[in-house]
Amino acid sequence: MLSLPVQAQQNIEKLKQMKVATTDLNIPVVPQEGKNAAAIRENLKRVKLPPGFKIDLFAVVPDARHMAIAPSTNMLFVGTRKTTVWAVTDRNSDGVADEVKSFAPSLKFTNPNGVCWTKDGFLIVAEHNRVLNFPAAEFFYEGPDVAVIEVVPQGKLVPPEEESYNHGARTCRVSDDGKLYVTLGQPYNVQPRDKVAMYEQLGIGGMVRLNAFDGSGREVVARGVRNSVGMDINPKDKTVWFTDNQTDGMGDDTPPGELNRITKAGGEHFGYPFIHGNATQIAGTAAAPDLKDMKAPAAWTKPQVEFPAHQAQLGMTFYTGKMFPAQYQGGVFVASHGSWNRTKASGGLVNFVSLKADGSADKSTVFAEGWLDSETGIYRGRPVDVAVMKDGSLLVSDDYVGAIYRITYSAP
């Protein structure tokens, strides 16, 4: 019997040649109603939103992480940190998913957290150490076998010896010029001294840009980042924005989380592991004693926004819809997964960041909260990503509950 990795690679080769990789045409679906769905809806009653907004269960999606809204149909693809990418479909357009099933099940994905679209409708799946491209995925997802392009083969996104169970969830976006952007979190709390230069050269602890179809032309566009698990491109000025997670073990209230913006051609340095946020020293502290003699880079870019410490800001999206009031249009929604190492839990919410006329960030406010029970300190949900549907509603994924929520607005 073939091992799973060998079988998976053989299936990749078959699908690249548009040949059948499996004989089972029936893909099991995830139940969308029942006791679990009812309990999720009950918990959503605790979520607080501004006047006029309403939140409902959109779909039961196990381990739901980052989302990619389909360009032409009423569906989306959802990544996970497991081995599955989900296809989620609202067939009758009633604002609730009718079907949730695995996408391309003949393949064995490994931490396929990042999903995004090229401008001409190709689905990108960014795994821990591989990138795949699926032509016309939204039209050919019904069966188990889907045509695939291997953009970055297994083991070529980062050196295999730098793979880790920690900080391996990638996110992605494709710009108007067809370039694929991928975040590459570095796998340590703080990378050791002998890794700093290599990581900056390879883009580990930063972001890389490459051709979305053959992986060519790879270049580093952001360095000095700890672990980004969220990014988006502002449709107005085409600048790339991303979140960054904080160093652990420095206390409940330090350092801050970050929302960053790339504005310079040729890439930028964002300060890490020397500095986090606007002024929190990392190098030489108890979290990174071996970096005590290292100096900050000659030039580094400060964050657009500092978030409260350890709330773990992950997915983000520019609001491009028209359903929400004018003050939200063009701004940024950011999902906060919630703390894991704080003496009192914090986060488990969605922030909104407004922008100034020059395209920079203005202020951050809490938009949705209530997944963290303030009385017991128990999470009843942990938001991961946010995405804008074609009708202007906002989807929020939750990998703890295994669900996607839909937020709508009607004038009060």
Protein backbone atom coordinates (compact mmCIF):
# COMPACT_ATOMS: atom_id res chain seq x y z
CA MET A 1 0.00 0.00 0.00
CA LEU A 2 1.37 3.45 -0.94
CA SER A 3 2.10 5.95 1.84
CA LEU A 4 -0.12 9.03 1.97
CA PRO A 5 2.59 11.48 0.81
CA VAL A 6 3.45 9.26 -2.18
CA GLN A 7 -0.21 8.74 -3.06
CA ALA A 8 -0.92 12.47 -2.74
CA GLN A 9 1.94 13.38 -5.08
CA GLN A 10 0.80 10.79 -7.60
CA ASN A 11 -2.67 12.34 -7.47
CA ILE A 12 -1.14 15.78 -8.07
CA GLU A 13 0.61 14.48 -11.19
CA LYS A 14 -2.64 12.97 -12.46
CA LEU A 15 -4.61 16.14 -11.89
CA LYS A 16 -1.94 18.25 -13.59
CA GLN A 17 -2.56 16.11 -16.67
CA MET A 18 -6.34 16.36 -16.18
CA LYS A 19 -6.61 12.64 -15.44
CA VAL A 20 -8.77 10.85 -12.85
CA ALA A 21 -7.14 10.48 -9.44
CA THR A 22 -10.03 8.81 -7.58
CA THR A 23 -13.02 6.64 -8.38
CA ASP A 24 -15.35 7.82 -5.60
CA LEU A 25 -17.55 10.57 -7.05
CA ASN A 26 -19.63 11.03 -3.89
CA ILE A 27 -18.29 13.66 -1.50
CA PRO A 28 -19.88 13.64 1.98
CA VAL A 29 -21.50 16.89 3.07
CA VAL A 30 -21.39 18.54 6.50
CA PRO A 31 -24.79 18.62 8.27
CA GLN A 32 -26.07 22.20 8.45
CA GLU A 33 -28.93 21.75 10.90
CA GLY A 34 -29.48 19.98 14.20
CA LYS A 35 -28.39 20.41 17.81
CA ASN A 36 -24.99 21.89 16.98
CA ALA A 37 -26.35 24.56 14.63
CA ALA A 38 -29.04 25.47 17.18
CA ALA A 39 -26.43 25.89 19.94
CA ILE A 40 -24.30 28.11 17.70
CA ARG A 41 -27.28 30.34 16.94
CA GLU A 42 -28.04 30.58 20.65
CA ASN A 43 -24.46 31.68 21.41
CA LEU A 44 -24.65 34.36 18.72
CA LYS A 45 -27.27 36.13 20.80
CA ARG A 46 -24.39 37.21 23.06
CA VAL A 47 -22.56 39.05 20.27
CA LYS A 48 -22.86 42.83 20.50
CA LEU A 49 -22.94 44.96 17.33
CA PRO A 50 -23.63 48.63 16.53
CA PRO A 51 -27.31 49.58 15.99
CA GLY A 52 -28.80 48.20 12.79
CA PHE A 53 -26.41 45.26 12.49
CA LYS A 54 -27.42 41.62 12.87
CA ILE A 55 -25.38 38.41 13.03
CA ASP A 56 -26.56 34.94 12.01
CA LEU A 57 -25.11 31.52 11.33
CA PHE A 58 -24.13 31.25 7.67
CA ALA A 59 -22.59 27.78 7.64
CA VAL A 60 -21.28 24.97 9.83
CA VAL A 61 -17.70 24.56 8.59
CA PRO A 62 -15.31 22.47 10.73
CA ASP A 63 -12.02 24.25 11.56
CA ALA A 64 -13.00 27.24 9.38
CA ARG A 65 -10.08 29.63 8.84
CA HIS A 66 -9.42 31.96 5.91
CA MET A 67 -12.05 32.55 3.24
CA ALA A 68 -12.07 33.30 -0.49
CA ILE A 69 -15.39 34.56 -1.90
CA ALA A 70 -15.98 33.16 -5.40
CA PRO A 71 -15.94 35.75 -8.20
CA SER A 72 -18.96 34.54 -10.20
CA THR A 73 -21.10 32.24 -8.06
CA ASN A 74 -22.72 32.42 -4.64
CA MET A 75 -20.09 30.31 -2.90
CA LEU A 76 -16.72 30.50 -1.20
CA PHE A 77 -13.73 28.34 -0.34
CA VAL A 78 -12.50 28.02 3.22
CA GLY A 79 -9.04 26.98 4.37
CA THR A 80 -8.17 25.09 7.54
CA ARG A 81 -5.08 24.26 9.58
CA LYS A 82 -5.86 20.57 9.07
CA THR A 83 -5.98 18.68 5.74
CA THR A 84 -9.18 20.03 4.18
CA VAL A 85 -10.27 22.97 2.04
CA TRP A 86 -14.04 23.43 2.18
CA ALA A 87 -16.39 24.42 -0.66
CA VAL A 88 -19.35 26.33 0.83
CA THR A 89 -22.36 27.04 -1.38
CA ASP A 90 -25.53 29.07 -0.94
CA ARG A 91 -27.45 27.56 -3.86
CA ASN A 92 -30.75 29.39 -3.37
CA SER A 93 -29.22 32.78 -2.44
CA ASP A 94 -31.06 33.10 0.85
CA GLY A 95 -28.02 34.16 2.90
CA VAL A 96 -27.49 30.72 4.44
CA ALA A 97 -25.24 27.99 3.06
CA ASP A 98 -27.00 24.92 1.70
CA GLU A 99 -23.96 22.71 1.16
CA VAL A 100 -20.53 22.33 2.73
CA LYS A 101 -18.17 19.67 1.40
CA SER A 102 -14.44 19.11 0.94
CA PHE A 103 -12.73 20.51 -2.14
CA ALA A 104 -10.40 18.31 -4.24
CA PRO A 105 -10.52 15.44 -1.70
CA SER A 106 -8.24 13.28 -3.85
CA LEU A 107 -5.40 15.54 -2.68
CA LYS A 108 -3.86 15.52 0.76
CA PHE A 109 -3.52 19.14 1.85
CA THR A 110 -1.20 20.10 4.70
CA ASN A 111 -2.31 23.17 6.66
CA PRO A 112 -4.11 24.79 3.69
CA ASN A 113 -4.90 27.93 5.65
CA GLY A 114 -4.51 30.49 2.86
CA VAL A 115 -7.03 30.76 0.02
CA CYS A 116 -7.35 33.59 -2.50
CA TRP A 117 -8.24 34.33 -6.12
CA THR A 118 -6.38 35.50 -9.18
CA LYS A 119 -8.19 38.23 -11.10
CA ASP A 120 -9.26 35.74 -13.78
CA GLY A 121 -10.84 33.21 -11.42
CA PHE A 122 -8.09 30.77 -10.45
CA LEU A 123 -8.16 29.61 -6.82
CA ILE A 124 -4.84 29.75 -4.96
CA VAL A 125 -4.32 27.46 -1.95
CA ALA A 126 -1.27 28.36 0.15
CA GLU A 127 -0.29 25.45 2.37
CA HIS A 128 2.43 25.26 5.01
CA ASN A 129 5.12 24.59 2.41
CA ARG A 130 3.43 24.37 -0.98
CA VAL A 131 1.25 26.57 -3.21
CA LEU A 132 -1.36 25.17 -5.61
CA ASN A 133 -3.49 26.90 -8.25
CA PHE A 134 -6.88 25.52 -9.35
CA PRO A 135 -8.34 26.80 -12.65
CA ALA A 136 -12.07 27.59 -12.56
CA ALA A 137 -12.44 25.97 -9.15
CA GLU A 138 -15.88 27.47 -8.52
CA PHE A 139 -17.28 25.71 -11.60
CA PHE A 140 -15.54 22.34 -11.26
CA TYR A 141 -15.58 21.71 -7.51
CA GLU A 142 -18.56 19.33 -7.60
CA GLY A 143 -16.42 16.23 -8.21
CA PRO A 144 -13.35 15.01 -6.32
CA ASP A 145 -10.92 15.59 -9.19
CA VAL A 146 -10.04 19.18 -10.08
CA ALA A 147 -7.38 20.46 -12.48
CA VAL A 148 -4.36 21.84 -10.62
CA ILE A 149 -1.21 23.85 -11.28
CA GLU A 150 1.71 23.33 -8.89
CA VAL A 151 2.92 26.90 -8.33
CA VAL A 152 5.42 26.09 -5.59
CA PRO A 153 6.18 22.35 -5.09
CA GLN A 154 6.21 20.78 -1.65
CA GLY A 155 9.24 21.91 0.37
CA LYS A 156 10.04 24.95 -1.80
CA LEU A 157 8.11 27.76 -0.08
CA VAL A 158 10.47 27.64 2.90
CA PRO A 159 13.46 25.31 3.45
CA PRO A 160 12.14 22.00 4.86
CA GLU A 161 14.45 22.32 7.85
CA GLU A 162 12.61 25.54 8.77
CA GLU A 163 9.20 23.85 8.85
CA SER A 164 7.57 23.85 12.27
CA TYR A 165 4.21 23.13 13.85
CA ASN A 166 4.38 26.75 15.04
CA HIS A 167 3.41 29.73 12.85
CA GLY A 168 2.87 27.66 9.71
CA ALA A 169 -0.49 29.10 8.59
CA ARG A 170 0.01 31.13 5.39
CA THR A 171 -2.28 33.78 3.94
CA CYS A 172 -2.35 35.12 0.40
CA ARG A 173 -3.66 37.74 -2.00
CA VAL A 174 -3.19 38.37 -5.73
CA SER A 175 -2.65 41.93 -6.95
CA ASP A 176 -4.06 43.45 -10.13
CA ASP A 177 -0.76 42.79 -11.94
CA GLY A 178 -1.07 39.07 -11.23
CA LYS A 179 1.54 38.83 -8.49
CA LEU A 180 0.85 36.45 -5.62
CA TYR A 181 1.64 37.72 -2.12
CA VAL A 182 2.19 35.13 0.65
CA THR A 183 2.85 35.74 4.36
CA LEU A 184 5.56 33.57 5.97
CA GLY A 185 5.49 33.60 9.75
CA GLN A 186 8.80 32.72 11.41
CA PRO A 187 8.48 29.60 13.59
CA TYR A 188 9.86 30.86 16.92
CA ASN A 189 8.54 33.08 19.68
CA VAL A 190 11.59 35.19 18.78
CA GLN A 191 13.95 33.83 16.15
CA PRO A 192 17.49 33.11 17.43
CA ARG A 193 20.41 35.29 16.45
CA ASP A 194 21.78 32.85 13.88
CA LYS A 195 18.46 32.82 11.98
CA VAL A 196 17.82 36.56 11.64
CA ALA A 197 19.83 37.27 8.48
CA MET A 198 18.70 34.10 6.70
CA TYR A 199 15.04 34.74 7.49
CA GLU A 200 15.25 38.29 6.16
CA GLN A 201 16.87 37.05 2.97
CA LEU A 202 14.22 34.37 2.39
CA GLY A 203 11.23 36.40 3.57
CA ILE A 204 10.53 34.14 6.56
CA GLY A 205 9.08 36.47 9.15
CA GLY A 206 7.70 38.66 6.38
CA MET A 207 6.04 38.45 3.00
CA VAL A 208 7.10 37.29 -0.46
CA ARG A 209 5.75 38.07 -3.91
CA LEU A 210 5.90 35.68 -6.88
CA ASN A 211 4.21 34.69 -10.12
CA ALA A 212 0.83 33.12 -9.33
CA PHE A 213 1.17 30.39 -11.94
CA ASP A 214 4.77 29.16 -11.96
CA GLY A 215 6.28 30.67 -8.80
CA SER A 216 8.90 32.59 -10.76
CA GLY A 217 10.21 36.06 -9.92
CA ARG A 218 10.08 35.54 -6.18
CA GLU A 219 11.07 38.58 -4.14
CA VAL A 220 10.79 39.67 -0.52
CA VAL A 221 8.45 42.64 0.01
CA ALA A 222 8.29 42.72 3.83
CA ARG A 223 10.86 41.82 6.48
CA GLY A 224 10.93 42.26 10.23
CA VAL A 225 7.57 40.61 10.92
CA ARG A 226 6.94 38.04 13.64
CA ASN A 227 3.91 36.11 12.42
CA SER A 228 1.39 37.59 10.01
CA VAL A 229 -1.80 35.56 9.53
CA GLY A 230 -3.86 38.12 7.67
CA MET A 231 -3.47 40.45 4.70
CA ASP A 232 -5.41 42.37 2.08
CA ILE A 233 -4.83 44.87 -0.72
CA ASN A 234 -6.54 48.26 -0.60
CA PRO A 235 -8.52 48.47 -3.87
CA LYS A 236 -8.18 52.25 -3.90
CA ASP A 237 -4.42 52.77 -3.74
CA LYS A 238 -3.24 49.13 -4.18
CA THR A 239 -1.14 49.17 -1.00
CA VAL A 240 -0.70 45.84 0.81
CA TRP A 241 -1.76 45.68 4.47
CA PHE A 242 -1.16 42.89 6.98
CA THR A 243 -1.59 41.99 10.64
CA ASP A 244 1.24 40.85 12.92
CA ASN A 245 1.03 38.81 16.14
CA GLN A 246 2.88 39.67 19.35
CA THR A 247 5.82 38.13 21.18
CA ASP A 248 4.69 35.88 24.02
CA GLY A 249 6.00 35.83 27.59
CA MET A 250 6.50 39.58 28.06
CA GLY A 251 3.50 40.21 30.29
CA ASP A 252 -0.24 40.64 29.92
CA ASP A 253 -0.14 44.07 28.33
CA THR A 254 2.96 44.06 26.13
CA PRO A 255 3.80 44.11 23.29
CA PRO A 256 0.94 45.43 21.12
CA GLY A 257 -0.50 43.73 18.07
CA GLU A 258 0.00 45.41 14.72
CA LEU A 259 -1.75 46.44 11.53
CA ASN A 260 0.86 47.33 8.90
CA ARG A 261 0.95 48.90 5.46
CA ILE A 262 3.55 48.47 2.71
CA THR A 263 4.03 51.71 0.78
CA LYS A 264 7.55 51.51 -0.66
CA ALA A 265 8.65 49.67 -3.78
CA GLY A 266 11.33 47.08 -3.18
CA GLY A 267 10.11 46.03 0.24
CA GLU A 268 10.21 47.37 3.78
CA HIS A 269 11.47 46.32 7.21
CA PHE A 270 8.94 46.41 10.05
CA GLY A 271 11.34 46.28 12.99
CA TYR A 272 11.16 42.73 14.31
CA PRO A 273 12.89 41.10 16.22
CA PHE A 274 14.43 44.37 17.37
CA ILE A 275 11.23 46.28 18.05
CA HIS A 276 7.53 45.46 18.12
CA GLY A 277 4.83 48.08 17.74
CA ASN A 278 5.94 51.71 17.89
CA ALA A 279 8.51 51.39 20.65
CA THR A 280 8.51 48.02 22.48
CA GLN A 281 12.06 46.68 22.64
CA ILE A 282 12.34 42.94 22.00
CA ALA A 283 16.07 42.35 21.39
CA GLY A 284 17.92 41.87 24.67
CA THR A 285 14.84 41.29 26.82
CA ALA A 286 14.13 38.03 28.63
CA ALA A 287 12.25 36.93 25.50
CA ALA A 288 15.36 37.35 23.32
CA PRO A 289 18.52 37.56 25.46
CA ASP A 290 20.81 36.40 22.63
CA LEU A 291 19.87 39.52 20.63
CA LYS A 292 21.07 41.98 23.28
CA ASP A 293 23.87 43.42 21.14
CA MET A 294 21.84 43.73 17.95
CA LYS A 295 20.80 47.16 16.78
CA ALA A 296 17.55 48.15 15.15
CA PRO A 297 17.65 48.44 11.36
CA ALA A 298 18.67 51.83 10.00
CA ALA A 299 15.12 52.38 8.78
CA TRP A 300 11.98 50.53 9.78
CA THR A 301 8.28 51.12 9.28
CA LYS A 302 6.02 51.68 12.27
CA PRO A 303 2.57 50.06 12.34
CA GLN A 304 -0.54 51.88 11.20
CA VAL A 305 -2.38 50.67 14.29
CA GLU A 306 -1.35 49.20 17.65
CA PHE A 307 -3.89 46.75 19.06
CA PRO A 308 -4.17 45.61 22.70
CA ALA A 309 -1.58 42.96 23.55
CA HIS A 310 -2.16 39.27 22.88
CA GLN A 311 -5.55 39.56 21.21
CA ALA A 312 -4.06 37.78 18.16
CA GLN A 313 -5.29 39.80 15.20
CA LEU A 314 -5.52 37.44 12.20
CA GLY A 315 -7.62 37.94 9.07
CA MET A 316 -8.44 41.37 7.69
CA THR A 317 -10.37 42.78 4.76
CA PHE A 318 -11.14 46.14 3.20
CA TYR A 319 -14.87 46.72 3.18
CA THR A 320 -15.83 47.06 -0.49
CA GLY A 321 -19.58 46.63 -0.10
CA LYS A 322 -22.45 49.11 -0.03
CA MET A 323 -24.76 47.45 2.51
CA PHE A 324 -23.06 48.98 5.56
CA PRO A 325 -23.31 52.72 6.34
CA ALA A 326 -20.92 55.15 4.65
CA GLN A 327 -18.54 55.38 7.61
CA TYR A 328 -17.59 51.71 7.09
CA GLN A 329 -17.11 51.84 3.34
CA GLY A 330 -13.45 51.68 2.38
CA GLY A 331 -12.35 50.88 5.94
CA VAL A 332 -10.77 47.72 7.35
CA PHE A 333 -12.31 44.92 9.40
CA VAL A 334 -9.88 42.84 11.47
CA ALA A 335 -10.62 39.54 13.23
CA SER A 336 -9.15 39.05 16.70
CA HIS A 337 -8.72 35.36 17.55
CA GLY A 338 -8.18 36.01 21.26
CA SER A 339 -5.34 35.49 23.72
CA TRP A 340 -4.02 32.15 24.90
CA ASN A 341 -1.28 33.16 27.37
CA ARG A 342 -2.81 36.08 29.22
CA THR A 343 -3.80 35.78 32.91
CA LYS A 344 -7.17 37.23 31.94
CA ALA A 345 -8.34 36.35 28.43
CA SER A 346 -8.77 39.18 25.94
CA GLY A 347 -9.96 39.44 22.35
CA GLY A 348 -12.36 37.18 20.54
CA LEU A 349 -13.83 40.10 18.61
CA VAL A 350 -13.83 42.06 15.35
CA ASN A 351 -12.28 45.53 15.07
CA PHE A 352 -13.01 48.23 12.52
CA VAL A 353 -10.24 50.59 11.40
CA SER A 354 -11.23 53.76 9.59
CA LEU A 355 -8.87 55.41 7.09
CA LYS A 356 -7.80 59.01 6.58
CA ALA A 357 -8.02 60.81 3.25
CA ASP A 358 -4.37 60.02 2.52
CA GLY A 359 -5.04 56.28 2.82
CA SER A 360 -3.38 55.78 6.21
CA ALA A 361 -5.19 54.40 9.27
CA ASP A 362 -7.24 56.74 11.42
CA LYS A 363 -8.58 54.95 14.49
CA SER A 364 -9.56 51.45 15.61
CA THR A 365 -12.81 50.61 17.37
CA VAL A 366 -14.44 47.37 18.48
CA PHE A 367 -17.15 46.46 15.95
CA ALA A 368 -18.35 43.06 17.21
CA GLU A 369 -17.69 41.39 20.55
CA GLY A 370 -19.23 38.82 22.86
CA TRP A 371 -17.56 35.58 21.82
CA LEU A 372 -15.49 35.84 25.02
CA ASP A 373 -17.66 35.40 28.11
CA SER A 374 -16.53 38.21 30.41
CA GLU A 375 -17.89 36.47 33.50
CA THR A 376 -16.29 33.06 33.05
CA GLY A 377 -13.38 33.92 30.76
CA ILE A 378 -14.51 31.14 28.40
CA TYR A 379 -14.44 31.56 24.62
CA ARG A 380 -17.72 30.73 22.91
CA GLY A 381 -16.07 31.49 19.61
CA ARG A 382 -12.74 32.66 18.17
CA PRO A 383 -12.93 34.79 15.01
CA VAL A 384 -10.22 34.06 12.43
CA ASP A 385 -11.05 35.83 9.18
CA VAL A 386 -13.44 38.37 7.67
CA ALA A 387 -14.65 38.54 4.06
CA VAL A 388 -17.11 40.70 2.13
CA MET A 389 -19.90 38.98 0.19
CA LYS A 390 -21.18 40.33 -3.11
CA ASP A 391 -24.29 41.73 -1.41
CA GLY A 392 -22.15 43.71 1.06
CA SER A 393 -22.68 41.45 4.06
CA LEU A 394 -19.64 40.49 6.13
CA LEU A 395 -18.63 36.90 6.83
CA VAL A 396 -16.67 35.97 9.96
CA SER A 397 -15.01 32.56 10.26
CA ASP A 398 -14.50 30.77 13.58
CA ASP A 399 -12.17 27.76 13.84
CA TYR A 400 -13.04 27.03 17.47
CA VAL A 401 -16.76 26.62 16.91
CA GLY A 402 -16.33 25.41 13.33
CA ALA A 403 -18.64 27.95 11.74
CA ILE A 404 -19.00 30.99 9.52
CA TYR A 405 -21.23 33.87 10.60
CA ARG A 406 -22.91 36.49 8.40
CA ILE A 407 -23.33 40.10 9.52
CA THR A 408 -25.95 42.23 7.76
CA TYR A 409 -27.23 45.77 8.17
CA SER A 410 -30.66 47.39 7.98
CA ALA A 411 -31.22 51.00 8.98
CA PRO A 412 -32.76 51.09 12.48
